[in-house]
Amino acid sequence: MPTPLTPQALLSREDAAKALNANGFPTTSKSLATLATRGGGPIYRSFGRRVLYRWEDVIAWAEGRLSKPRTSTSEADAADRRRMRSSMKA
């Protein structure tokens, strides 16, 4: 599925997963379903028994899961060490 034409476009769970994949965010409809029950997924709406996602909510959720830009893999290692040290102090 190509990128929806408008940010307001409503997508089924399957179409939301396809659109995310087409935009470089590997996701399955099953993962979206699991996140809908456990929390942590994109905002969704119901239309009867059908779940619908607004494209702008889906892409904002996916972009929110991206790491900060890095120039080296060692930057991730340093960030992990800082997180570990701060959690040990708590």
PDB file of N, CA and C in Angstrom:
ATOM      1  N   MET A   1       0.843  -1.178   0.000  1.00  0.00           N
ATOM      2  CA  MET A   1       0.000   0.000   0.000  1.00  0.00           C
ATOM      3  C   MET A   1       0.884   1.236   0.000  1.00  0.00           C
ATOM      4  N   PRO A   2       0.639   2.165  -0.913  1.00  0.00           N
ATOM      5  CA  PRO A   2       1.401   3.413  -0.909  1.00  0.00           C
ATOM      6  C   PRO A   2       0.979   4.293   0.268  1.00  0.00           C
ATOM      7  N   THR A   3       1.744   5.347   0.500  1.00  0.00           N
ATOM      8  CA  THR A   3       1.407   6.290   1.558  1.00  0.00           C
ATOM      9  C   THR A   3       0.030   6.870   1.289  1.00  0.00           C
ATOM     10  N   PRO A   4      -0.836   6.920   2.306  1.00  0.00           N
ATOM     11  CA  PRO A   4      -2.162   7.521   2.120  1.00  0.00           C
ATOM     12  C   PRO A   4      -2.042   8.968   1.649  1.00  0.00           C
ATOM     13  N   LEU A   5      -3.037   9.419   0.906  1.00  0.00           N
ATOM     14  CA  LEU A   5      -2.985  10.746   0.309  1.00  0.00           C
ATOM     15  C   LEU A   5      -3.090  11.876   1.325  1.00  0.00           C
ATOM     16  N   THR A   6      -3.798  11.662   2.412  1.00  0.00           N
ATOM     17  CA  THR A   6      -3.950  12.727   3.407  1.00  0.00           C
ATOM     18  C   THR A   6      -3.624  12.189   4.798  1.00  0.00           C
ATOM     19  N   PRO A   7      -3.184  13.074   5.688  1.00  0.00           N
ATOM     20  CA  PRO A   7      -2.925  12.655   7.064  1.00  0.00           C
ATOM     21  C   PRO A   7      -4.189  12.177   7.770  1.00  0.00           C
ATOM     22  N   GLN A   8      -5.350  12.645   7.308  1.00  0.00           N
ATOM     23  CA  GLN A   8      -6.619  12.294   7.939  1.00  0.00           C
ATOM     24  C   GLN A   8      -7.193  10.965   7.446  1.00  0.00           C
ATOM     25  N   ALA A   9      -6.553  10.345   6.482  1.00  0.00           N
ATOM     26  CA  ALA A   9      -7.065   9.096   5.914  1.00  0.00           C
ATOM     27  C   ALA A   9      -7.221   8.042   7.000  1.00  0.00           C
ATOM     28  N   LEU A  10      -8.343   7.330   6.972  1.00  0.00           N
ATOM     29  CA  LEU A  10      -8.593   6.243   7.920  1.00  0.00           C
ATOM     30  C   LEU A  10      -8.223   4.910   7.275  1.00  0.00           C
ATOM     31  N   LEU A  11      -7.459   4.114   8.005  1.00  0.00           N
ATOM     32  CA  LEU A  11      -6.941   2.855   7.478  1.00  0.00           C
ATOM     33  C   LEU A  11      -7.359   1.699   8.372  1.00  0.00           C
ATOM     34  N   SER A  12      -7.639   0.568   7.758  1.00  0.00           N
ATOM     35  CA  SER A  12      -7.854  -0.651   8.533  1.00  0.00           C
ATOM     36  C   SER A  12      -6.525  -1.039   9.165  1.00  0.00           C
ATOM     37  N   ARG A  13      -6.554  -1.957  10.094  1.00  0.00           N
ATOM     38  CA  ARG A  13      -5.321  -2.410  10.738  1.00  0.00           C
ATOM     39  C   ARG A  13      -4.362  -2.991   9.701  1.00  0.00           C
ATOM     40  N   GLU A  14      -4.889  -3.785   8.789  1.00  0.00           N
ATOM     41  CA  GLU A  14      -4.059  -4.384   7.736  1.00  0.00           C
ATOM     42  C   GLU A  14      -3.437  -3.307   6.849  1.00  0.00           C
ATOM     43  N   ASP A  15      -4.235  -2.324   6.447  1.00  0.00           N
ATOM     44  CA  ASP A  15      -3.711  -1.242   5.597  1.00  0.00           C
ATOM     45  C   ASP A  15      -2.711  -0.362   6.349  1.00  0.00           C
ATOM     46  N   ALA A  16      -2.941  -0.154   7.637  1.00  0.00           N
ATOM     47  CA  ALA A  16      -1.987   0.628   8.435  1.00  0.00           C
ATOM     48  C   ALA A  16      -0.638  -0.080   8.472  1.00  0.00           C
ATOM     49  N   ALA A  17      -0.647  -1.390   8.684  1.00  0.00           N
ATOM     50  CA  ALA A  17       0.604  -2.154   8.704  1.00  0.00           C
ATOM     51  C   ALA A  17       1.286  -2.105   7.337  1.00  0.00           C
ATOM     52  N   LYS A  18       0.517  -2.241   6.270  1.00  0.00           N
ATOM     53  CA  LYS A  18       1.096  -2.181   4.918  1.00  0.00           C
ATOM     54  C   LYS A  18       1.704  -0.812   4.639  1.00  0.00           C
ATOM     55  N   ALA A  19       1.010   0.262   5.037  1.00  0.00           N
ATOM     56  CA  ALA A  19       1.513   1.618   4.810  1.00  0.00           C
ATOM     57  C   ALA A  19       2.780   1.869   5.624  1.00  0.00           C
ATOM     58  N   LEU A  20       2.817   1.378   6.860  1.00  0.00           N
ATOM     59  CA  LEU A  20       4.031   1.525   7.666  1.00  0.00           C
ATOM     60  C   LEU A  20       5.196   0.794   7.009  1.00  0.00           C
ATOM     61  N   ASN A  21       4.962  -0.423   6.545  1.00  0.00           N
ATOM     62  CA  ASN A  21       6.015  -1.183   5.866  1.00  0.00           C
ATOM     63  C   ASN A  21       6.503  -0.463   4.616  1.00  0.00           C
ATOM     64  N   ALA A  22       5.581   0.097   3.849  1.00  0.00           N
ATOM     65  CA  ALA A  22       5.946   0.814   2.629  1.00  0.00           C
ATOM     66  C   ALA A  22       6.779   2.059   2.933  1.00  0.00           C
ATOM     67  N   ASN A  23       6.677   2.563   4.162  1.00  0.00           N
ATOM     68  CA  ASN A  23       7.416   3.758   4.561  1.00  0.00           C
ATOM     69  C   ASN A  23       8.615   3.441   5.444  1.00  0.00           C
ATOM     70  N   GLY A  24       9.024   2.171   5.469  1.00  0.00           N
ATOM     71  CA  GLY A  24      10.250   1.791   6.148  1.00  0.00           C
ATOM     72  C   GLY A  24      10.111   1.416   7.612  1.00  0.00           C
ATOM     73  N   PHE A  25       8.888   1.219   8.090  1.00  0.00           N
ATOM     74  CA  PHE A  25       8.660   0.835   9.476  1.00  0.00           C
ATOM     75  C   PHE A  25       8.078  -0.578   9.499  1.00  0.00           C
ATOM     76  N   PRO A  26       8.911  -1.611   9.602  1.00  0.00           N
ATOM     77  CA  PRO A  26       8.413  -2.983   9.555  1.00  0.00           C
ATOM     78  C   PRO A  26       7.459  -3.275  10.715  1.00  0.00           C
ATOM     79  N   THR A  27       6.218  -3.524  10.383  1.00  0.00           N
ATOM     80  CA  THR A  27       5.165  -3.767  11.373  1.00  0.00           C
ATOM     81  C   THR A  27       4.153  -4.734  10.778  1.00  0.00           C
ATOM     82  N   THR A  28       3.583  -5.580  11.612  1.00  0.00           N
ATOM     83  CA  THR A  28       2.529  -6.478  11.148  1.00  0.00           C
ATOM     84  C   THR A  28       1.191  -6.051  11.750  1.00  0.00           C
ATOM     85  N   SER A  29       0.126  -6.456  11.101  1.00  0.00           N
ATOM     86  CA  SER A  29      -1.195  -6.158  11.640  1.00  0.00           C
ATOM     87  C   SER A  29      -1.390  -6.878  12.976  1.00  0.00           C
ATOM     88  N   LYS A  30      -0.769  -8.039  13.125  1.00  0.00           N
ATOM     89  CA  LYS A  30      -0.855  -8.771  14.386  1.00  0.00           C
ATOM     90  C   LYS A  30      -0.183  -7.990  15.514  1.00  0.00           C
ATOM     91  N   SER A  31       0.947  -7.362  15.230  1.00  0.00           N
ATOM     92  CA  SER A  31       1.615  -6.532  16.238  1.00  0.00           C
ATOM     93  C   SER A  31       0.736  -5.353  16.640  1.00  0.00           C
ATOM     94  N   LEU A  32       0.085  -4.727  15.665  1.00  0.00           N
ATOM     95  CA  LEU A  32      -0.813  -3.615  15.974  1.00  0.00           C
ATOM     96  C   LEU A  32      -1.983  -4.091  16.829  1.00  0.00           C
ATOM     97  N   ALA A  33      -2.493  -5.284  16.550  1.00  0.00           N
ATOM     98  CA  ALA A  33      -3.595  -5.838  17.347  1.00  0.00           C
ATOM     99  C   ALA A  33      -3.142  -6.090  18.780  1.00  0.00           C
ATOM    100  N   THR A  34      -1.961  -6.644  18.940  1.00  0.00           N
ATOM    101  CA  THR A  34      -1.428  -6.904  20.279  1.00  0.00           C
ATOM    102  C   THR A  34      -1.244  -5.595  21.043  1.00  0.00           C
ATOM    103  N   LEU A  35      -0.689  -4.586  20.375  1.00  0.00           N
ATOM    104  CA  LEU A  35      -0.486  -3.296  21.024  1.00  0.00           C
ATOM    105  C   LEU A  35      -1.814  -2.627  21.382  1.00  0.00           C
ATOM    106  N   ALA A  36      -2.844  -2.878  20.598  1.00  0.00           N
ATOM    107  CA  ALA A  36      -4.162  -2.306  20.903  1.00  0.00           C
ATOM    108  C   ALA A  36      -4.729  -2.894  22.189  1.00  0.00           C
ATOM    109  N   THR A  37      -4.401  -4.141  22.482  1.00  0.00           N
ATOM    110  CA  THR A  37      -4.918  -4.756  23.712  1.00  0.00           C
ATOM    111  C   THR A  37      -4.020  -4.493  24.913  1.00  0.00           C
ATOM    112  N   ARG A  38      -2.725  -4.404  24.685  1.00  0.00           N
ATOM    113  CA  ARG A  38      -1.774  -4.229  25.798  1.00  0.00           C
ATOM    114  C   ARG A  38      -1.382  -2.783  26.041  1.00  0.00           C
ATOM    115  N   GLY A  39      -1.591  -1.938  25.037  1.00  0.00           N
ATOM    116  CA  GLY A  39      -1.166  -0.547  25.142  1.00  0.00           C
ATOM    117  C   GLY A  39       0.174  -0.331  24.472  1.00  0.00           C
ATOM    118  N   GLY A  40       0.446   0.920  24.152  1.00  0.00           N
ATOM    119  CA  GLY A  40       1.725   1.255  23.538  1.00  0.00           C
ATOM    120  C   GLY A  40       1.685   1.403  22.035  1.00  0.00           C
ATOM    121  N   GLY A  41       0.548   1.165  21.424  1.00  0.00           N
ATOM    122  CA  GLY A  41       0.424   1.288  19.975  1.00  0.00           C
ATOM    123  C   GLY A  41      -0.143   2.631  19.568  1.00  0.00           C
ATOM    124  N   PRO A  42      -0.368   2.812  18.293  1.00  0.00           N
ATOM    125  CA  PRO A  42      -0.950   4.070  17.815  1.00  0.00           C
ATOM    126  C   PRO A  42      -2.417   4.197  18.242  1.00  0.00           C
ATOM    127  N   ILE A  43      -2.870   5.427  18.301  1.00  0.00           N
ATOM    128  CA  ILE A  43      -4.277   5.705  18.623  1.00  0.00           C
ATOM    129  C   ILE A  43      -5.148   5.096  17.525  1.00  0.00           C
ATOM    130  N   TYR A  44      -6.263   4.506  17.924  1.00  0.00           N
ATOM    131  CA  TYR A  44      -7.196   3.962  16.942  1.00  0.00           C
ATOM    132  C   TYR A  44      -8.620   4.327  17.326  1.00  0.00           C
ATOM    133  N   ARG A  45      -9.521   4.117  16.395  1.00  0.00           N
ATOM    134  CA  ARG A  45     -10.941   4.375  16.598  1.00  0.00           C
ATOM    135  C   ARG A  45     -11.712   3.134  16.184  1.00  0.00           C
ATOM    136  N   SER A  46     -12.930   3.037  16.642  1.00  0.00           N
ATOM    137  CA  SER A  46     -13.780   1.919  16.245  1.00  0.00           C
ATOM    138  C   SER A  46     -14.931   2.430  15.390  1.00  0.00           C
ATOM    139  N   PHE A  47     -15.246   1.665  14.389  1.00  0.00           N
ATOM    140  CA  PHE A  47     -16.427   1.916  13.561  1.00  0.00           C
ATOM    141  C   PHE A  47     -17.186   0.597  13.570  1.00  0.00           C
ATOM    142  N   GLY A  48     -18.128   0.497  14.499  1.00  0.00           N
ATOM    143  CA  GLY A  48     -18.767  -0.795  14.723  1.00  0.00           C
ATOM    144  C   GLY A  48     -17.731  -1.739  15.301  1.00  0.00           C
ATOM    145  N   ARG A  49     -17.562  -2.876  14.678  1.00  0.00           N
ATOM    146  CA  ARG A  49     -16.564  -3.850  15.139  1.00  0.00           C
ATOM    147  C   ARG A  49     -15.206  -3.639  14.480  1.00  0.00           C
ATOM    148  N   ARG A  50     -15.139  -2.703  13.581  1.00  0.00           N
ATOM    149  CA  ARG A  50     -13.923  -2.486  12.806  1.00  0.00           C
ATOM    150  C   ARG A  50     -13.012  -1.448  13.464  1.00  0.00           C
ATOM    151  N   VAL A  51     -11.726  -1.721  13.499  1.00  0.00           N
ATOM    152  CA  VAL A  51     -10.731  -0.801  14.037  1.00  0.00           C
ATOM    153  C   VAL A  51     -10.161   0.029  12.898  1.00  0.00           C
ATOM    154  N   LEU A  52     -10.091   1.344  13.114  1.00  0.00           N
ATOM    155  CA  LEU A  52      -9.546   2.250  12.105  1.00  0.00           C
ATOM    156  C   LEU A  52      -8.456   3.127  12.718  1.00  0.00           C
ATOM    157  N   TYR A  53      -7.400   3.322  11.962  1.00  0.00           N
ATOM    158  CA  TYR A  53      -6.282   4.165  12.375  1.00  0.00           C
ATOM    159  C   TYR A  53      -6.218   5.377  11.451  1.00  0.00           C
ATOM    160  N   ARG A  54      -6.025   6.551  12.024  1.00  0.00           N
ATOM    161  CA  ARG A  54      -5.786   7.748  11.213  1.00  0.00           C
ATOM    162  C   ARG A  54      -4.299   7.736  10.841  1.00  0.00           C
ATOM    163  N   TRP A  55      -3.989   7.964   9.573  1.00  0.00           N
ATOM    164  CA  TRP A  55      -2.613   7.866   9.099  1.00  0.00           C
ATOM    165  C   TRP A  55      -1.674   8.764   9.900  1.00  0.00           C
ATOM    166  N   GLU A  56      -2.083   9.982  10.221  1.00  0.00           N
ATOM    167  CA  GLU A  56      -1.190  10.878  10.962  1.00  0.00           C
ATOM    168  C   GLU A  56      -0.859  10.315  12.346  1.00  0.00           C
ATOM    169  N   ASP A  57      -1.787   9.603  12.971  1.00  0.00           N
ATOM    170  CA  ASP A  57      -1.525   8.992  14.273  1.00  0.00           C
ATOM    171  C   ASP A  57      -0.556   7.820  14.143  1.00  0.00           C
ATOM    172  N   VAL A  58      -0.725   7.051  13.088  1.00  0.00           N
ATOM    173  CA  VAL A  58       0.128   5.874  12.868  1.00  0.00           C
ATOM    174  C   VAL A  58       1.563   6.295  12.589  1.00  0.00           C
ATOM    175  N   ILE A  59       1.753   7.262  11.712  1.00  0.00           N
ATOM    176  CA  ILE A  59       3.116   7.669  11.362  1.00  0.00           C
ATOM    177  C   ILE A  59       3.766   8.407  12.524  1.00  0.00           C
ATOM    178  N   ALA A  60       3.006   9.169  13.297  1.00  0.00           N
ATOM    179  CA  ALA A  60       3.562   9.844  14.482  1.00  0.00           C
ATOM    180  C   ALA A  60       4.020   8.813  15.511  1.00  0.00           C
ATOM    181  N   TRP A  61       3.235   7.754  15.693  1.00  0.00           N
ATOM    182  CA  TRP A  61       3.609   6.684  16.619  1.00  0.00           C
ATOM    183  C   TRP A  61       4.907   6.020  16.157  1.00  0.00           C
ATOM    184  N   ALA A  62       4.990   5.698  14.872  1.00  0.00           N
ATOM    185  CA  ALA A  62       6.187   5.028  14.345  1.00  0.00           C
ATOM    186  C   ALA A  62       7.417   5.931  14.468  1.00  0.00           C
ATOM    187  N   GLU A  63       7.287   7.193  14.121  1.00  0.00           N
ATOM    188  CA  GLU A  63       8.419   8.119  14.217  1.00  0.00           C
ATOM    189  C   GLU A  63       8.833   8.333  15.666  1.00  0.00           C
ATOM    190  N   GLY A  64       7.881   8.251  16.584  1.00  0.00           N
ATOM    191  CA  GLY A  64       8.189   8.388  17.997  1.00  0.00           C
ATOM    192  C   GLY A  64       9.012   7.230  18.545  1.00  0.00           C
ATOM    193  N   ARG A  65       9.023   6.128  17.842  1.00  0.00           N
ATOM    194  CA  ARG A  65       9.802   4.955  18.266  1.00  0.00           C
ATOM    195  C   ARG A  65      11.228   4.974  17.707  1.00  0.00           C
ATOM    196  N   LEU A  66      11.535   5.933  16.846  1.00  0.00           N
ATOM    197  CA  LEU A  66      12.883   6.038  16.284  1.00  0.00           C
ATOM    198  C   LEU A  66      13.870   6.532  17.330  1.00  0.00           C
ATOM    199  N   SER A  67      15.096   6.091  17.227  1.00  0.00           N
ATOM    200  CA  SER A  67      16.140   6.604  18.109  1.00  0.00           C
ATOM    201  C   SER A  67      16.548   7.998  17.631  1.00  0.00           C
ATOM    202  N   LYS A  68      17.335   8.673  18.455  1.00  0.00           N
ATOM    203  CA  LYS A  68      17.911   9.949  18.034  1.00  0.00           C
ATOM    204  C   LYS A  68      18.914   9.650  16.923  1.00  0.00           C
ATOM    205  N   PRO A  69      19.172  10.611  16.040  1.00  0.00           N
ATOM    206  CA  PRO A  69      20.161  10.381  14.968  1.00  0.00           C
ATOM    207  C   PRO A  69      21.539  10.081  15.558  1.00  0.00           C
ATOM    208  N   ARG A  70      22.242   9.165  14.916  1.00  0.00           N
ATOM    209  CA  ARG A  70      23.577   8.764  15.366  1.00  0.00           C
ATOM    210  C   ARG A  70      24.536   8.801  14.195  1.00  0.00           C
ATOM    211  N   THR A  71      25.793   8.990  14.511  1.00  0.00           N
ATOM    212  CA  THR A  71      26.830   8.919  13.478  1.00  0.00           C
ATOM    213  C   THR A  71      27.703   7.688  13.634  1.00  0.00           C
ATOM    214  N   SER A  72      27.500   6.945  14.736  1.00  0.00           N
ATOM    215  CA  SER A  72      28.332   5.787  15.009  1.00  0.00           C
ATOM    216  C   SER A  72      27.572   4.811  15.905  1.00  0.00           C
ATOM    217  N   THR A  73      27.882   3.531  15.768  1.00  0.00           N
ATOM    218  CA  THR A  73      27.254   2.541  16.644  1.00  0.00           C
ATOM    219  C   THR A  73      27.717   2.714  18.085  1.00  0.00           C
ATOM    220  N   SER A  74      28.893   3.287  18.287  1.00  0.00           N
ATOM    221  CA  SER A  74      29.386   3.477  19.653  1.00  0.00           C
ATOM    222  C   SER A  74      28.543   4.498  20.411  1.00  0.00           C
ATOM    223  N   GLU A  75      27.848   5.389  19.716  1.00  0.00           N
ATOM    224  CA  GLU A  75      26.968   6.339  20.390  1.00  0.00           C
ATOM    225  C   GLU A  75      25.842   5.600  21.110  1.00  0.00           C
ATOM    226  N   ALA A  76      25.335   4.558  20.515  1.00  0.00           N
ATOM    227  CA  ALA A  76      24.271   3.775  21.150  1.00  0.00           C
ATOM    228  C   ALA A  76      24.811   3.074  22.383  1.00  0.00           C
ATOM    229  N   ASP A  77      26.026   2.552  22.304  1.00  0.00           N
ATOM    230  CA  ASP A  77      26.628   1.887  23.451  1.00  0.00           C
ATOM    231  C   ASP A  77      26.806   2.856  24.617  1.00  0.00           C
ATOM    232  N   ALA A  78      27.258   4.072  24.331  1.00  0.00           N
ATOM    233  CA  ALA A  78      27.455   5.075  25.386  1.00  0.00           C
ATOM    234  C   ALA A  78      26.125   5.459  26.015  1.00  0.00           C
ATOM    235  N   ALA A  79      25.089   5.613  25.210  1.00  0.00           N
ATOM    236  CA  ALA A  79      23.759   5.965  25.731  1.00  0.00           C
ATOM    237  C   ALA A  79      23.227   4.848  26.613  1.00  0.00           C
ATOM    238  N   ASP A  80      23.450   3.599  26.211  1.00  0.00           N
ATOM    239  CA  ASP A  80      23.010   2.458  27.018  1.00  0.00           C
ATOM    240  C   ASP A  80      23.729   2.435  28.367  1.00  0.00           C
ATOM    241  N   ARG A  81      25.029   2.725  28.369  1.00  0.00           N
ATOM    242  CA  ARG A  81      25.784   2.734  29.625  1.00  0.00           C
ATOM    243  C   ARG A  81      25.276   3.831  30.553  1.00  0.00           C
ATOM    244  N   ARG A  82      24.975   5.015  29.998  1.00  0.00           N
ATOM    245  CA  ARG A  82      24.455   6.108  30.822  1.00  0.00           C
ATOM    246  C   ARG A  82      23.109   5.728  31.424  1.00  0.00           C
ATOM    247  N   ARG A  83      22.253   5.096  30.633  1.00  0.00           N
ATOM    248  CA  ARG A  83      20.942   4.665  31.129  1.00  0.00           C
ATOM    249  C   ARG A  83      21.099   3.644  32.247  1.00  0.00           C
ATOM    250  N   MET A  84      22.021   2.720  32.082  1.00  0.00           N
ATOM    251  CA  MET A  84      22.233   1.684  33.100  1.00  0.00           C
ATOM    252  C   MET A  84      22.718   2.329  34.402  1.00  0.00           C
ATOM    253  N   ARG A  85      23.660   3.285  34.300  1.00  0.00           N
ATOM    254  CA  ARG A  85      24.175   3.944  35.501  1.00  0.00           C
ATOM    255  C   ARG A  85      23.078   4.714  36.208  1.00  0.00           C
ATOM    256  N   SER A  86      22.243   5.423  35.459  1.00  0.00           N
ATOM    257  CA  SER A  86      21.193   6.215  36.095  1.00  0.00           C
ATOM    258  C   SER A  86      20.116   5.323  36.727  1.00  0.00           C
ATOM    259  N   SER A  87      19.848   4.162  36.127  1.00  0.00           N
ATOM    260  CA  SER A  87      18.854   3.261  36.726  1.00  0.00           C
ATOM    261  C   SER A  87      19.402   2.585  37.975  1.00  0.00           C
ATOM    262  N   MET A  88      20.695   2.399  38.059  1.00  0.00           N
ATOM    263  CA  MET A  88      21.295   1.784  39.247  1.00  0.00           C
ATOM    264  C   MET A  88      21.239   2.744  40.436  1.00  0.00           C
ATOM    265  N   LYS A  89      21.291   4.037  40.160  1.00  0.00           N
ATOM    266  CA  LYS A  89      21.233   5.040  41.240  1.00  0.00           C
ATOM    267  C   LYS A  89      19.843   5.145  41.827  1.00  0.00           C
ATOM    268  N   ALA A  90      18.839   4.843  41.031  1.00  0.00           N
ATOM    269  CA  ALA A  90      17.448   5.011  41.482  1.00  0.00           C
ATOM    270  C   ALA A  90      17.011   3.964  42.464  1.00  0.00           C
TER     271      ALA A  90
END
